[in-house]
PDB file of N, CA and C in Angstrom:
ATOM      1  N   UNK A   1      49.075 -64.898 120.647  1.00  0.00           N
ATOM      2  CA  UNK A   1      47.657 -64.892 120.954  1.00  0.00           C
ATOM      3  C   UNK A   1      47.368 -65.820 122.133  1.00  0.00           C
ATOM      4  N   UNK A   2      47.995 -65.605 123.204  1.00  0.00           N
ATOM      5  CA  UNK A   2      47.759 -66.457 124.358  1.00  0.00           C
ATOM      6  C   UNK A   2      46.449 -66.080 125.016  1.00  0.00           C
ATOM      7  N   UNK A   3      45.773 -67.068 125.583  1.00  0.00           N
ATOM      8  CA  UNK A   3      44.530 -66.829 126.279  1.00  0.00           C
ATOM      9  C   UNK A   3      43.318 -66.751 125.367  1.00  0.00           C
ATOM     10  N   UNK A   4      43.509 -66.905 124.069  1.00  0.00           N
ATOM     11  CA  UNK A   4      42.399 -66.861 123.125  1.00  0.00           C
ATOM     12  C   UNK A   4      42.131 -68.282 122.652  1.00  0.00           C
ATOM     13  N   UNK A   5      40.866 -68.653 122.637  1.00  0.00           N
ATOM     14  CA  UNK A   5      40.510 -70.016 122.259  1.00  0.00           C
ATOM     15  C   UNK A   5      40.775 -70.265 120.771  1.00  0.00           C
ATOM     16  N   UNK A   6      40.777 -71.518 120.418  1.00  0.00           N
ATOM     17  CA  UNK A   6      40.960 -71.924 119.028  1.00  0.00           C
ATOM     18  C   UNK A   6      39.873 -71.310 118.151  1.00  0.00           C
ATOM     19  N   UNK A   7      38.643 -71.285 118.649  1.00  0.00           N
ATOM     20  CA  UNK A   7      37.524 -70.734 117.887  1.00  0.00           C
ATOM     21  C   UNK A   7      37.777 -69.267 117.545  1.00  0.00           C
ATOM     22  N   UNK A   8      38.225 -68.513 118.524  1.00  0.00           N
ATOM     23  CA  UNK A   8      38.497 -67.094 118.306  1.00  0.00           C
ATOM     24  C   UNK A   8      39.624 -66.914 117.304  1.00  0.00           C
ATOM     25  N   UNK A   9      40.669 -67.736 117.409  1.00  0.00           N
ATOM     26  CA  UNK A   9      41.789 -67.622 116.473  1.00  0.00           C
ATOM     27  C   UNK A   9      41.362 -67.900 115.040  1.00  0.00           C
ATOM     28  N   UNK A  10      40.480 -68.888 114.858  1.00  0.00           N
ATOM     29  CA  UNK A  10      40.001 -69.218 113.517  1.00  0.00           C
ATOM     30  C   UNK A  10      39.234 -68.038 112.928  1.00  0.00           C
ATOM     31  N   UNK A  11      38.347 -67.452 113.712  1.00  0.00           N
ATOM     32  CA  UNK A  11      37.540 -66.335 113.209  1.00  0.00           C
ATOM     33  C   UNK A  11      38.401 -65.098 112.992  1.00  0.00           C
ATOM     34  N   UNK A  12      39.347 -64.849 113.875  1.00  0.00           N
ATOM     35  CA  UNK A  12      40.243 -63.699 113.701  1.00  0.00           C
ATOM     36  C   UNK A  12      41.061 -63.877 112.425  1.00  0.00           C
ATOM     37  N   UNK A  13      41.552 -65.091 112.185  1.00  0.00           N
ATOM     38  CA  UNK A  13      42.306 -65.356 110.959  1.00  0.00           C
ATOM     39  C   UNK A  13      41.428 -65.148 109.731  1.00  0.00           C
ATOM     40  N   UNK A  14      40.190 -65.614 109.820  1.00  0.00           N
ATOM     41  CA  UNK A  14      39.252 -65.422 108.722  1.00  0.00           C
ATOM     42  C   UNK A  14      39.007 -63.941 108.482  1.00  0.00           C
ATOM     43  N   UNK A  15      38.846 -63.183 109.550  1.00  0.00           N
ATOM     44  CA  UNK A  15      38.606 -61.742 109.428  1.00  0.00           C
ATOM     45  C   UNK A  15      39.814 -61.044 108.809  1.00  0.00           C
ATOM     46  N   UNK A  16      41.021 -61.430 109.217  1.00  0.00           N
ATOM     47  CA  UNK A  16      42.220 -60.827 108.648  1.00  0.00           C
ATOM     48  C   UNK A  16      42.336 -61.164 107.162  1.00  0.00           C
ATOM     49  N   UNK A  17      42.000 -62.400 106.821  1.00  0.00           N
ATOM     50  CA  UNK A  17      42.027 -62.816 105.419  1.00  0.00           C
ATOM     51  C   UNK A  17      41.074 -61.971 104.588  1.00  0.00           C
ATOM     52  N   UNK A  18      39.923 -61.641 105.163  1.00  0.00           N
ATOM     53  CA  UNK A  18      38.901 -60.894 104.446  1.00  0.00           C
ATOM     54  C   UNK A  18      39.025 -59.388 104.666  1.00  0.00           C
ATOM     55  N   UNK A  19      40.077 -58.919 105.353  1.00  0.00           N
ATOM     56  CA  UNK A  19      40.318 -57.500 105.606  1.00  0.00           C
ATOM     57  C   UNK A  19      39.125 -56.826 106.275  1.00  0.00           C
ATOM     58  N   UNK A  20      38.682 -57.389 107.382  1.00  0.00           N
ATOM     59  CA  UNK A  20      37.497 -56.872 108.066  1.00  0.00           C
ATOM     60  C   UNK A  20      37.908 -56.030 109.248  1.00  0.00           C
ATOM     61  N   UNK A  21      37.231 -54.908 109.435  1.00  0.00           N
ATOM     62  CA  UNK A  21      37.427 -54.056 110.600  1.00  0.00           C
ATOM     63  C   UNK A  21      36.654 -54.657 111.770  1.00  0.00           C
ATOM     64  N   UNK A  22      37.293 -54.797 112.919  1.00  0.00           N
ATOM     65  CA  UNK A  22      36.708 -55.471 114.070  1.00  0.00           C
ATOM     66  C   UNK A  22      35.864 -54.558 114.952  1.00  0.00           C
ATOM     67  N   UNK A  23      35.577 -53.356 114.552  1.00  0.00           N
ATOM     68  CA  UNK A  23      34.940 -52.407 115.455  1.00  0.00           C
ATOM     69  C   UNK A  23      33.437 -52.267 115.239  1.00  0.00           C
ATOM     70  N   UNK A  24      32.787 -53.311 114.811  1.00  0.00           N
ATOM     71  CA  UNK A  24      31.349 -53.230 114.574  1.00  0.00           C
ATOM     72  C   UNK A  24      30.582 -53.140 115.883  1.00  0.00           C
ATOM     73  N   UNK A  25      29.556 -52.303 115.901  1.00  0.00           N
ATOM     74  CA  UNK A  25      28.704 -52.161 117.075  1.00  0.00           C
ATOM     75  C   UNK A  25      27.445 -53.010 116.930  1.00  0.00           C
ATOM     76  N   UNK A  26      27.279 -53.666 115.807  1.00  0.00           N
ATOM     77  CA  UNK A  26      26.079 -54.456 115.541  1.00  0.00           C
ATOM     78  C   UNK A  26      26.076 -55.711 116.402  1.00  0.00           C
ATOM     79  N   UNK A  27      24.948 -55.978 117.037  1.00  0.00           N
ATOM     80  CA  UNK A  27      24.827 -57.164 117.869  1.00  0.00           C
ATOM     81  C   UNK A  27      23.847 -58.136 117.219  1.00  0.00           C
ATOM     82  N   UNK A  28      24.215 -59.390 117.168  1.00  0.00           N
ATOM     83  CA  UNK A  28      23.355 -60.431 116.623  1.00  0.00           C
ATOM     84  C   UNK A  28      23.579 -61.677 117.460  1.00  0.00           C
ATOM     85  N   UNK A  29      22.540 -62.452 117.662  1.00  0.00           N
ATOM     86  CA  UNK A  29      22.701 -63.673 118.448  1.00  0.00           C
ATOM     87  C   UNK A  29      23.383 -64.737 117.596  1.00  0.00           C
ATOM     88  N   UNK A  30      24.076 -65.615 118.251  1.00  0.00           N
ATOM     89  CA  UNK A  30      24.792 -66.684 117.550  1.00  0.00           C
ATOM     90  C   UNK A  30      23.806 -67.596 116.830  1.00  0.00           C
ATOM     91  N   UNK A  31      22.673 -67.873 117.445  1.00  0.00           N
ATOM     92  CA  UNK A  31      21.675 -68.749 116.820  1.00  0.00           C
ATOM     93  C   UNK A  31      21.160 -68.127 115.521  1.00  0.00           C
ATOM     94  N   UNK A  32      20.856 -66.825 115.557  1.00  0.00           N
ATOM     95  CA  UNK A  32      20.359 -66.144 114.367  1.00  0.00           C
ATOM     96  C   UNK A  32      21.420 -66.137 113.272  1.00  0.00           C
ATOM     97  N   UNK A  33      22.662 -65.877 113.645  1.00  0.00           N
ATOM     98  CA  UNK A  33      23.762 -65.863 112.690  1.00  0.00           C
ATOM     99  C   UNK A  33      23.963 -67.249 112.069  1.00  0.00           C
ATOM    100  N   UNK A  34      23.911 -68.279 112.900  1.00  0.00           N
ATOM    101  CA  UNK A  34      24.068 -69.660 112.437  1.00  0.00           C
ATOM    102  C   UNK A  34      23.028 -69.990 111.367  1.00  0.00           C
ATOM    103  N   UNK A  35      21.784 -69.689 111.646  1.00  0.00           N
ATOM    104  CA  UNK A  35      20.729 -70.016 110.688  1.00  0.00           C
ATOM    105  C   UNK A  35      20.784 -69.149 109.444  1.00  0.00           C
ATOM    106  N   UNK A  36      21.253 -67.915 109.586  1.00  0.00           N
ATOM    107  CA  UNK A  36      21.453 -67.051 108.424  1.00  0.00           C
ATOM    108  C   UNK A  36      22.503 -67.650 107.486  1.00  0.00           C
ATOM    109  N   UNK A  37      23.611 -68.094 108.072  1.00  0.00           N
ATOM    110  CA  UNK A  37      24.696 -68.686 107.284  1.00  0.00           C
ATOM    111  C   UNK A  37      24.222 -69.958 106.585  1.00  0.00           C
ATOM    112  N   UNK A  38      23.514 -70.809 107.303  1.00  0.00           N
ATOM    113  CA  UNK A  38      23.026 -72.049 106.702  1.00  0.00           C
ATOM    114  C   UNK A  38      21.949 -71.792 105.656  1.00  0.00           C
ATOM    115  N   UNK A  39      21.112 -70.800 105.883  1.00  0.00           N
ATOM    116  CA  UNK A  39      20.029 -70.509 104.938  1.00  0.00           C
ATOM    117  C   UNK A  39      20.575 -70.067 103.585  1.00  0.00           C
ATOM    118  N   UNK A  40      21.558 -69.161 103.616  1.00  0.00           N
ATOM    119  CA  UNK A  40      22.083 -68.611 102.368  1.00  0.00           C
ATOM    120  C   UNK A  40      23.275 -69.394 101.815  1.00  0.00           C
ATOM    121  N   UNK A  41      23.924 -70.197 102.644  1.00  0.00           N
ATOM    122  CA  UNK A  41      24.999 -71.051 102.162  1.00  0.00           C
ATOM    123  C   UNK A  41      26.343 -70.368 101.990  1.00  0.00           C
ATOM    124  N   UNK A  42      26.517 -69.196 102.605  1.00  0.00           N
ATOM    125  CA  UNK A  42      27.813 -68.534 102.523  1.00  0.00           C
ATOM    126  C   UNK A  42      28.045 -67.655 103.747  1.00  0.00           C
ATOM    127  N   UNK A  43      29.332 -67.359 103.964  1.00  0.00           N
ATOM    128  CA  UNK A  43      29.753 -66.426 105.004  1.00  0.00           C
ATOM    129  C   UNK A  43      30.351 -65.233 104.277  1.00  0.00           C
ATOM    130  N   UNK A  44      29.748 -64.078 104.456  1.00  0.00           N
ATOM    131  CA  UNK A  44      30.287 -62.873 103.836  1.00  0.00           C
ATOM    132  C   UNK A  44      31.006 -62.039 104.893  1.00  0.00           C
ATOM    133  N   UNK A  45      31.464 -60.854 104.508  1.00  0.00           N
ATOM    134  CA  UNK A  45      32.208 -59.996 105.434  1.00  0.00           C
ATOM    135  C   UNK A  45      31.417 -59.702 106.705  1.00  0.00           C
ATOM    136  N   UNK A  46      30.128 -59.399 106.553  1.00  0.00           N
ATOM    137  CA  UNK A  46      29.298 -59.045 107.698  1.00  0.00           C
ATOM    138  C   UNK A  46      29.147 -60.238 108.640  1.00  0.00           C
ATOM    139  N   UNK A  47      28.868 -61.428 108.080  1.00  0.00           N
ATOM    140  CA  UNK A  47      28.739 -62.628 108.907  1.00  0.00           C
ATOM    141  C   UNK A  47      30.031 -62.925 109.653  1.00  0.00           C
ATOM    142  N   UNK A  48      31.147 -62.787 108.949  1.00  0.00           N
ATOM    143  CA  UNK A  48      32.442 -63.050 109.564  1.00  0.00           C
ATOM    144  C   UNK A  48      32.715 -62.078 110.704  1.00  0.00           C
ATOM    145  N   UNK A  49      32.372 -60.829 110.488  1.00  0.00           N
ATOM    146  CA  UNK A  49      32.575 -59.819 111.526  1.00  0.00           C
ATOM    147  C   UNK A  49      31.671 -60.091 112.731  1.00  0.00           C
ATOM    148  N   UNK A  50      30.431 -60.484 112.478  1.00  0.00           N
ATOM    149  CA  UNK A  50      29.521 -60.827 113.573  1.00  0.00           C
ATOM    150  C   UNK A  50      30.044 -62.028 114.366  1.00  0.00           C
ATOM    151  N   UNK A  51      30.543 -63.032 113.669  1.00  0.00           N
ATOM    152  CA  UNK A  51      31.130 -64.202 114.339  1.00  0.00           C
ATOM    153  C   UNK A  51      32.312 -63.785 115.210  1.00  0.00           C
ATOM    154  N   UNK A  52      33.149 -62.956 114.659  1.00  0.00           N
ATOM    155  CA  UNK A  52      34.321 -62.500 115.400  1.00  0.00           C
ATOM    156  C   UNK A  52      33.904 -61.733 116.653  1.00  0.00           C
ATOM    157  N   UNK A  53      32.927 -60.837 116.525  1.00  0.00           N
ATOM    158  CA  UNK A  53      32.475 -60.061 117.682  1.00  0.00           C
ATOM    159  C   UNK A  53      31.901 -60.947 118.770  1.00  0.00           C
ATOM    160  N   UNK A  54      31.168 -61.972 118.380  1.00  0.00           N
ATOM    161  CA  UNK A  54      30.599 -62.898 119.365  1.00  0.00           C
ATOM    162  C   UNK A  54      31.709 -63.655 120.077  1.00  0.00           C
ATOM    163  N   UNK A  55      32.695 -64.131 119.322  1.00  0.00           N
ATOM    164  CA  UNK A  55      33.749 -64.955 119.911  1.00  0.00           C
ATOM    165  C   UNK A  55      34.761 -64.161 120.722  1.00  0.00           C
ATOM    166  N   UNK A  56      34.834 -62.868 120.510  1.00  0.00           N
ATOM    167  CA  UNK A  56      35.768 -62.051 121.279  1.00  0.00           C
ATOM    168  C   UNK A  56      35.158 -61.537 122.585  1.00  0.00           C
ATOM    169  N   UNK A  57      33.927 -61.920 122.863  1.00  0.00           N
ATOM    170  CA  UNK A  57      33.320 -61.577 124.143  1.00  0.00           C
ATOM    171  C   UNK A  57      34.076 -62.294 125.253  1.00  0.00           C
ATOM    172  N   UNK A  58      33.936 -61.786 126.459  1.00  0.00           N
ATOM    173  CA  UNK A  58      34.640 -62.377 127.603  1.00  0.00           C
ATOM    174  C   UNK A  58      34.273 -63.844 127.807  1.00  0.00           C
ATOM    175  N   UNK A  59      32.983 -64.160 127.704  1.00  0.00           N
ATOM    176  CA  UNK A  59      32.574 -65.542 127.935  1.00  0.00           C
ATOM    177  C   UNK A  59      31.779 -66.054 126.738  1.00  0.00           C
ATOM    178  N   UNK A  60      32.239 -67.137 126.184  1.00  0.00           N
ATOM    179  CA  UNK A  60      31.555 -67.784 125.080  1.00  0.00           C
ATOM    180  C   UNK A  60      30.933 -69.055 125.641  1.00  0.00           C
ATOM    181  N   UNK A  61      29.630 -69.197 125.435  1.00  0.00           N
ATOM    182  CA  UNK A  61      28.929 -70.357 125.989  1.00  0.00           C
ATOM    183  C   UNK A  61      29.259 -71.617 125.200  1.00  0.00           C
ATOM    184  N   UNK A  62      28.967 -72.742 125.804  1.00  0.00           N
ATOM    185  CA  UNK A  62      29.172 -74.031 125.143  1.00  0.00           C
ATOM    186  C   UNK A  62      28.301 -74.120 123.896  1.00  0.00           C
ATOM    187  N   UNK A  63      27.093 -73.575 123.970  1.00  0.00           N
ATOM    188  CA  UNK A  63      26.190 -73.578 122.822  1.00  0.00           C
ATOM    189  C   UNK A  63      26.793 -72.798 121.654  1.00  0.00           C
ATOM    190  N   UNK A  64      27.401 -71.657 121.927  1.00  0.00           N
ATOM    191  CA  UNK A  64      28.031 -70.863 120.876  1.00  0.00           C
ATOM    192  C   UNK A  64      29.208 -71.606 120.257  1.00  0.00           C
ATOM    193  N   UNK A  65      29.965 -72.323 121.080  1.00  0.00           N
ATOM    194  CA  UNK A  65      31.078 -73.121 120.557  1.00  0.00           C
ATOM    195  C   UNK A  65      30.571 -74.223 119.622  1.00  0.00           C
ATOM    196  N   UNK A  66      29.442 -74.811 119.976  1.00  0.00           N
ATOM    197  CA  UNK A  66      28.854 -75.858 119.134  1.00  0.00           C
ATOM    198  C   UNK A  66      28.436 -75.278 117.788  1.00  0.00           C
ATOM    199  N   UNK A  67      27.815 -74.094 117.811  1.00  0.00           N
ATOM    200  CA  UNK A  67      27.434 -73.431 116.561  1.00  0.00           C
ATOM    201  C   UNK A  67      28.665 -73.187 115.687  1.00  0.00           C
ATOM    202  N   UNK A  68      29.741 -72.703 116.278  1.00  0.00           N
ATOM    203  CA  UNK A  68      30.964 -72.437 115.513  1.00  0.00           C
ATOM    204  C   UNK A  68      31.519 -73.733 114.929  1.00  0.00           C
ATOM    205  N   UNK A  69      31.522 -74.804 115.727  1.00  0.00           N
ATOM    206  CA  UNK A  69      31.977 -76.105 115.216  1.00  0.00           C
ATOM    207  C   UNK A  69      31.163 -76.529 114.001  1.00  0.00           C
ATOM    208  N   UNK A  70      29.865 -76.357 114.065  1.00  0.00           N
ATOM    209  CA  UNK A  70      28.996 -76.748 112.953  1.00  0.00           C
ATOM    210  C   UNK A  70      29.247 -75.891 111.721  1.00  0.00           C
ATOM    211  N   UNK A  71      29.470 -74.607 111.925  1.00  0.00           N
ATOM    212  CA  UNK A  71      29.762 -73.727 110.793  1.00  0.00           C
ATOM    213  C   UNK A  71      31.085 -74.122 110.141  1.00  0.00           C
ATOM    214  N   UNK A  72      32.116 -74.353 110.957  1.00  0.00           N
ATOM    215  CA  UNK A  72      33.418 -74.750 110.410  1.00  0.00           C
ATOM    216  C   UNK A  72      33.336 -76.090 109.688  1.00  0.00           C
ATOM    217  N   UNK A  73      32.568 -77.023 110.232  1.00  0.00           N
ATOM    218  CA  UNK A  73      32.370 -78.312 109.590  1.00  0.00           C
ATOM    219  C   UNK A  73      31.696 -78.133 108.227  1.00  0.00           C
ATOM    220  N   UNK A  74      30.690 -77.263 108.183  1.00  0.00           N
ATOM    221  CA  UNK A  74      29.978 -77.013 106.927  1.00  0.00           C
ATOM    222  C   UNK A  74      30.908 -76.395 105.882  1.00  0.00           C
ATOM    223  N   UNK A  75      31.804 -75.527 106.314  1.00  0.00           N
ATOM    224  CA  UNK A  75      32.775 -74.926 105.395  1.00  0.00           C
ATOM    225  C   UNK A  75      33.708 -76.012 104.857  1.00  0.00           C
ATOM    226  N   UNK A  76      34.205 -76.855 105.752  1.00  0.00           N
ATOM    227  CA  UNK A  76      35.107 -77.935 105.314  1.00  0.00           C
ATOM    228  C   UNK A  76      34.427 -78.895 104.343  1.00  0.00           C
ATOM    229  N   UNK A  77      33.133 -79.150 104.543  1.00  0.00           N
ATOM    230  CA  UNK A  77      32.390 -80.072 103.683  1.00  0.00           C
ATOM    231  C   UNK A  77      31.966 -79.431 102.365  1.00  0.00           C
ATOM    232  N   UNK A  78      32.107 -78.115 102.270  1.00  0.00           N
ATOM    233  CA  UNK A  78      31.708 -77.417 101.051  1.00  0.00           C
ATOM    234  C   UNK A  78      30.242 -77.014 101.036  1.00  0.00           C
ATOM    235  N   UNK A  79      29.543 -77.180 102.151  1.00  0.00           N
ATOM    236  CA  UNK A  79      28.135 -76.800 102.231  1.00  0.00           C
ATOM    237  C   UNK A  79      27.957 -75.305 102.399  1.00  0.00           C
ATOM    238  N   UNK A  80      28.964 -74.665 102.956  1.00  0.00           N
ATOM    239  CA  UNK A  80      28.955 -73.218 103.160  1.00  0.00           C
ATOM    240  C   UNK A  80      30.212 -72.649 102.530  1.00  0.00           C
ATOM    241  N   UNK A  81      30.055 -71.599 101.742  1.00  0.00           N
ATOM    242  CA  UNK A  81      31.193 -70.955 101.087  1.00  0.00           C
ATOM    243  C   UNK A  81      31.576 -69.691 101.845  1.00  0.00           C
ATOM    244  N   UNK A  82      32.830 -69.293 101.699  1.00  0.00           N
ATOM    245  CA  UNK A  82      33.296 -68.016 102.243  1.00  0.00           C
ATOM    246  C   UNK A  82      33.479 -67.095 101.050  1.00  0.00           C
ATOM    247  N   UNK A  83      32.751 -65.986 101.057  1.00  0.00           N
ATOM    248  CA  UNK A  83      32.828 -65.038  99.951  1.00  0.00           C
ATOM    249  C   UNK A  83      33.376 -63.715 100.465  1.00  0.00           C
ATOM    250  N   UNK A  84      34.101 -63.046  99.597  1.00  0.00           N
ATOM    251  CA  UNK A  84      34.682 -61.752  99.957  1.00  0.00           C
ATOM    252  C   UNK A  84      33.940 -60.667  99.202  1.00  0.00           C
ATOM    253  N   UNK A  85      33.220 -59.835  99.935  1.00  0.00           N
ATOM    254  CA  UNK A  85      32.483 -58.725  99.324  1.00  0.00           C
ATOM    255  C   UNK A  85      33.431 -57.578  99.050  1.00  0.00           C
ATOM    256  N   UNK A  86      33.201 -56.885  97.968  1.00  0.00           N
ATOM    257  CA  UNK A  86      34.037 -55.740  97.633  1.00  0.00           C
ATOM    258  C   UNK A  86      33.274 -54.469  97.823  1.00  0.00           C
TER     259      UNK A  86
END
């Protein structure tokens, strides 16, 4: 996975863990996704796929990287859970 940032690798690994198809056409802003995740306290398949789609774009802004850092920090602290929808 050369040329892919650490953020992208983390989300891709998360998507593979959750068996998510990467071909979603749904577009959501990173800010909206961030607040959705914090509001409900979990990352589900759809949130994970949206994160992956945002991070696989050609250019990821510094603001988007900050949002991802905050989400990962919240997961590590136990404030946000990762759930697998069936």
